[in-house]
Amino acid sequence: MELKPIRSEEEYEKALNIAARYFDFEPLPKSPEADYLEVLMMLIESYEAKHYARPVTDPIDAIKFRMEQKGLTPKDLIPMIGKLERVHQILNRTRPLTLPVIRQLHEKLGIPAETLIGPCAKIS
């Protein structure tokens, strides 16, 4: 496949099929095939970014998901958020996330900052 912008679903599917072949037999680093695959992946990602928008993740849902993944309890968030009461208020959506809390959650839990600054489902 000639490397050029992907402009249709047909071209996108063709690019995915070509890329899949490389995943089965990964090219040697810095080889012409590796360079080709890298550029092909950039074109695929560009097409996907334009045509397949990712859903916006609710910040509180993201925190709860990460807590579940890591086996954390609300008490484990005290160093990042503050008093346990404040942790519960945030998790129950009655208190908004502040910038310092967002920074702590991003740094300590690895939640993307753009997710944490997104809109919450409901703050009462």
C-alpha atoms as a PDB file:
ATOM      1  CA  MET A   1       0.000   0.000   0.000  1.00  0.00           C
ATOM      2  CA  GLU A   2       1.273   3.418  -0.925  1.00  0.00           C
ATOM      3  CA  LEU A   3       1.532   5.693   2.115  1.00  0.00           C
ATOM      4  CA  LYS A   4      -0.945   8.532   1.770  1.00  0.00           C
ATOM      5  CA  PRO A   5      -3.695  10.043   3.932  1.00  0.00           C
ATOM      6  CA  ILE A   6      -6.546   7.647   4.673  1.00  0.00           C
ATOM      7  CA  ARG A   7      -9.745   9.224   3.359  1.00  0.00           C
ATOM      8  CA  SER A   8     -12.317   6.447   3.318  1.00  0.00           C
ATOM      9  CA  GLU A   9     -13.488   3.504   5.387  1.00  0.00           C
ATOM     10  CA  GLU A  10     -12.274   1.197   2.628  1.00  0.00           C
ATOM     11  CA  GLU A  11      -8.757   2.658   2.767  1.00  0.00           C
ATOM     12  CA  TYR A  12      -8.873   2.462   6.564  1.00  0.00           C
ATOM     13  CA  GLU A  13      -9.789  -1.249   6.504  1.00  0.00           C
ATOM     14  CA  LYS A  14      -7.028  -1.921   3.982  1.00  0.00           C
ATOM     15  CA  ALA A  15      -4.491  -0.129   6.181  1.00  0.00           C
ATOM     16  CA  LEU A  16      -5.594  -2.125   9.233  1.00  0.00           C
ATOM     17  CA  ASN A  17      -5.172  -5.390   7.354  1.00  0.00           C
ATOM     18  CA  ILE A  18      -1.674  -4.427   6.238  1.00  0.00           C
ATOM     19  CA  ALA A  19      -0.695  -3.344   9.755  1.00  0.00           C
ATOM     20  CA  ALA A  20      -2.029  -6.625  11.189  1.00  0.00           C
ATOM     21  CA  ARG A  21       0.423  -8.588   9.034  1.00  0.00           C
ATOM     22  CA  TYR A  22       3.307  -6.675  10.587  1.00  0.00           C
ATOM     23  CA  PHE A  23       2.105  -7.504  14.101  1.00  0.00           C
ATOM     24  CA  ASP A  24       2.437 -11.206  13.341  1.00  0.00           C
ATOM     25  CA  PHE A  25       5.974 -10.737  11.989  1.00  0.00           C
ATOM     26  CA  GLU A  26       7.384  -7.622  13.617  1.00  0.00           C
ATOM     27  CA  PRO A  27      10.049  -5.909  11.498  1.00  0.00           C
ATOM     28  CA  LEU A  28      13.531  -5.278  12.812  1.00  0.00           C
ATOM     29  CA  PRO A  29      13.956  -1.873  14.503  1.00  0.00           C
ATOM     30  CA  LYS A  30      15.173   0.915  12.196  1.00  0.00           C
ATOM     31  CA  SER A  31      14.527  -1.207   9.105  1.00  0.00           C
ATOM     32  CA  PRO A  32      12.601   0.175   6.116  1.00  0.00           C
ATOM     33  CA  GLU A  33       9.704  -2.109   7.084  1.00  0.00           C
ATOM     34  CA  ALA A  34       9.682  -0.729  10.639  1.00  0.00           C
ATOM     35  CA  ASP A  35       9.646   2.821   9.280  1.00  0.00           C
ATOM     36  CA  TYR A  36       6.792   1.924   6.933  1.00  0.00           C
ATOM     37  CA  LEU A  37       4.783   0.415   9.793  1.00  0.00           C
ATOM     38  CA  GLU A  38       5.392   3.441  12.014  1.00  0.00           C
ATOM     39  CA  VAL A  39       4.122   5.859   9.355  1.00  0.00           C
ATOM     40  CA  LEU A  40       1.190   3.568   8.535  1.00  0.00           C
ATOM     41  CA  MET A  41       0.210   3.532  12.230  1.00  0.00           C
ATOM     42  CA  MET A  42       0.338   7.345  12.330  1.00  0.00           C
ATOM     43  CA  LEU A  43      -2.019   7.497   9.355  1.00  0.00           C
ATOM     44  CA  ILE A  44      -4.378   4.991  11.000  1.00  0.00           C
ATOM     45  CA  GLU A  45      -4.361   6.931  14.280  1.00  0.00           C
ATOM     46  CA  SER A  46      -5.048  10.176  12.449  1.00  0.00           C
ATOM     47  CA  TYR A  47      -8.041   8.667  10.656  1.00  0.00           C
ATOM     48  CA  GLU A  48      -9.373   7.170  13.893  1.00  0.00           C
ATOM     49  CA  ALA A  49      -9.030  10.480  15.736  1.00  0.00           C
ATOM     50  CA  LYS A  50     -11.174  12.195  13.098  1.00  0.00           C
ATOM     51  CA  HIS A  51     -13.783   9.475  12.606  1.00  0.00           C
ATOM     52  CA  TYR A  52     -14.012   7.540  15.846  1.00  0.00           C
ATOM     53  CA  ALA A  53     -14.304  10.001  18.704  1.00  0.00           C
ATOM     54  CA  ARG A  54     -13.566   8.537  22.116  1.00  0.00           C
ATOM     55  CA  PRO A  55     -16.352   8.892  24.654  1.00  0.00           C
ATOM     56  CA  VAL A  56     -15.746  11.416  27.391  1.00  0.00           C
ATOM     57  CA  THR A  57     -15.008   9.654  30.664  1.00  0.00           C
ATOM     58  CA  ASP A  58     -16.569  11.022  33.821  1.00  0.00           C
ATOM     59  CA  PRO A  59     -13.771  11.972  36.266  1.00  0.00           C
ATOM     60  CA  ILE A  60     -15.431  10.342  39.277  1.00  0.00           C
ATOM     61  CA  ASP A  61     -16.055   7.146  37.332  1.00  0.00           C
ATOM     62  CA  ALA A  62     -12.376   7.173  36.334  1.00  0.00           C
ATOM     63  CA  ILE A  63     -11.315   7.523  39.985  1.00  0.00           C
ATOM     64  CA  LYS A  64     -13.627   4.699  41.063  1.00  0.00           C
ATOM     65  CA  PHE A  65     -12.388   2.512  38.232  1.00  0.00           C
ATOM     66  CA  ARG A  66      -8.751   3.080  39.203  1.00  0.00           C
ATOM     67  CA  MET A  67      -9.610   2.397  42.851  1.00  0.00           C
ATOM     68  CA  GLU A  68     -11.171  -0.911  41.812  1.00  0.00           C
ATOM     69  CA  GLN A  69      -8.176  -1.786  39.628  1.00  0.00           C
ATOM     70  CA  LYS A  70      -5.719  -1.140  42.456  1.00  0.00           C
ATOM     71  CA  GLY A  71      -7.896  -2.503  45.254  1.00  0.00           C
ATOM     72  CA  LEU A  72      -8.062   0.899  46.990  1.00  0.00           C
ATOM     73  CA  THR A  73     -10.581   2.105  49.536  1.00  0.00           C
ATOM     74  CA  PRO A  74     -11.658   5.703  50.163  1.00  0.00           C
ATOM     75  CA  LYS A  75      -9.161   5.803  53.057  1.00  0.00           C
ATOM     76  CA  ASP A  76      -6.355   5.206  50.567  1.00  0.00           C
ATOM     77  CA  LEU A  77      -7.246   8.489  48.844  1.00  0.00           C
ATOM     78  CA  ILE A  78      -6.746  10.609  51.977  1.00  0.00           C
ATOM     79  CA  PRO A  79      -3.111  11.492  51.111  1.00  0.00           C
ATOM     80  CA  MET A  80      -4.264  12.762  47.704  1.00  0.00           C
ATOM     81  CA  ILE A  81      -7.566  14.420  48.601  1.00  0.00           C
ATOM     82  CA  GLY A  82      -7.556  15.217  52.302  1.00  0.00           C
ATOM     83  CA  LYS A  83      -9.930  14.235  55.074  1.00  0.00           C
ATOM     84  CA  LEU A  84     -12.070  11.123  54.620  1.00  0.00           C
ATOM     85  CA  GLU A  85     -15.197  13.279  54.631  1.00  0.00           C
ATOM     86  CA  ARG A  86     -13.838  15.208  51.628  1.00  0.00           C
ATOM     87  CA  VAL A  87     -12.996  11.942  49.835  1.00  0.00           C
ATOM     88  CA  HIS A  88     -16.590  10.745  50.286  1.00  0.00           C
ATOM     89  CA  GLN A  89     -17.965  14.104  49.135  1.00  0.00           C
ATOM     90  CA  ILE A  90     -15.943  13.892  45.929  1.00  0.00           C
ATOM     91  CA  LEU A  91     -16.838  10.253  45.303  1.00  0.00           C
ATOM     92  CA  ASN A  92     -20.523  11.066  45.928  1.00  0.00           C
ATOM     93  CA  ARG A  93     -20.309  14.062  43.568  1.00  0.00           C
ATOM     94  CA  THR A  94     -21.252  16.633  46.193  1.00  0.00           C
ATOM     95  CA  ARG A  95     -17.856  18.369  46.051  1.00  0.00           C
ATOM     96  CA  PRO A  96     -15.939  19.250  42.873  1.00  0.00           C
ATOM     97  CA  LEU A  97     -12.368  18.239  42.218  1.00  0.00           C
ATOM     98  CA  THR A  98      -9.868  21.029  42.799  1.00  0.00           C
ATOM     99  CA  LEU A  99      -6.720  21.602  40.773  1.00  0.00           C
ATOM    100  CA  PRO A 100      -4.397  20.396  43.580  1.00  0.00           C
ATOM    101  CA  VAL A 101      -6.485  17.217  43.968  1.00  0.00           C
ATOM    102  CA  ILE A 102      -6.461  16.658  40.204  1.00  0.00           C
ATOM    103  CA  ARG A 103      -2.665  16.966  40.216  1.00  0.00           C
ATOM    104  CA  GLN A 104      -2.338  14.472  43.067  1.00  0.00           C
ATOM    105  CA  LEU A 105      -4.682  11.921  41.497  1.00  0.00           C
ATOM    106  CA  HIS A 106      -2.898  12.241  38.178  1.00  0.00           C
ATOM    107  CA  GLU A 107       0.544  11.865  39.747  1.00  0.00           C
ATOM    108  CA  LYS A 108      -0.223   9.114  42.252  1.00  0.00           C
ATOM    109  CA  LEU A 109      -2.890   7.076  40.437  1.00  0.00           C
ATOM    110  CA  GLY A 110      -1.879   7.755  36.839  1.00  0.00           C
ATOM    111  CA  ILE A 111      -5.323   8.960  35.792  1.00  0.00           C
ATOM    112  CA  PRO A 112      -4.962  11.223  32.742  1.00  0.00           C
ATOM    113  CA  ALA A 113      -5.313  14.882  33.719  1.00  0.00           C
ATOM    114  CA  GLU A 114      -7.633  15.514  30.760  1.00  0.00           C
ATOM    115  CA  THR A 115     -10.008  12.913  32.179  1.00  0.00           C
ATOM    116  CA  LEU A 116      -9.945  14.472  35.636  1.00  0.00           C
ATOM    117  CA  ILE A 117     -10.697  17.977  34.356  1.00  0.00           C
ATOM    118  CA  GLY A 118     -13.624  16.755  32.239  1.00  0.00           C
ATOM    119  CA  PRO A 119     -17.249  17.351  33.194  1.00  0.00           C
ATOM    120  CA  CYS A 120     -18.740  15.303  36.020  1.00  0.00           C
ATOM    121  CA  ALA A 121     -22.060  13.565  35.566  1.00  0.00           C
ATOM    122  CA  LYS A 122     -23.687  15.550  38.355  1.00  0.00           C
ATOM    123  CA  ILE A 123     -22.546  17.661  41.285  1.00  0.00           C
ATOM    124  CA  SER A 124     -25.293  18.478  43.745  1.00  0.00           C
END
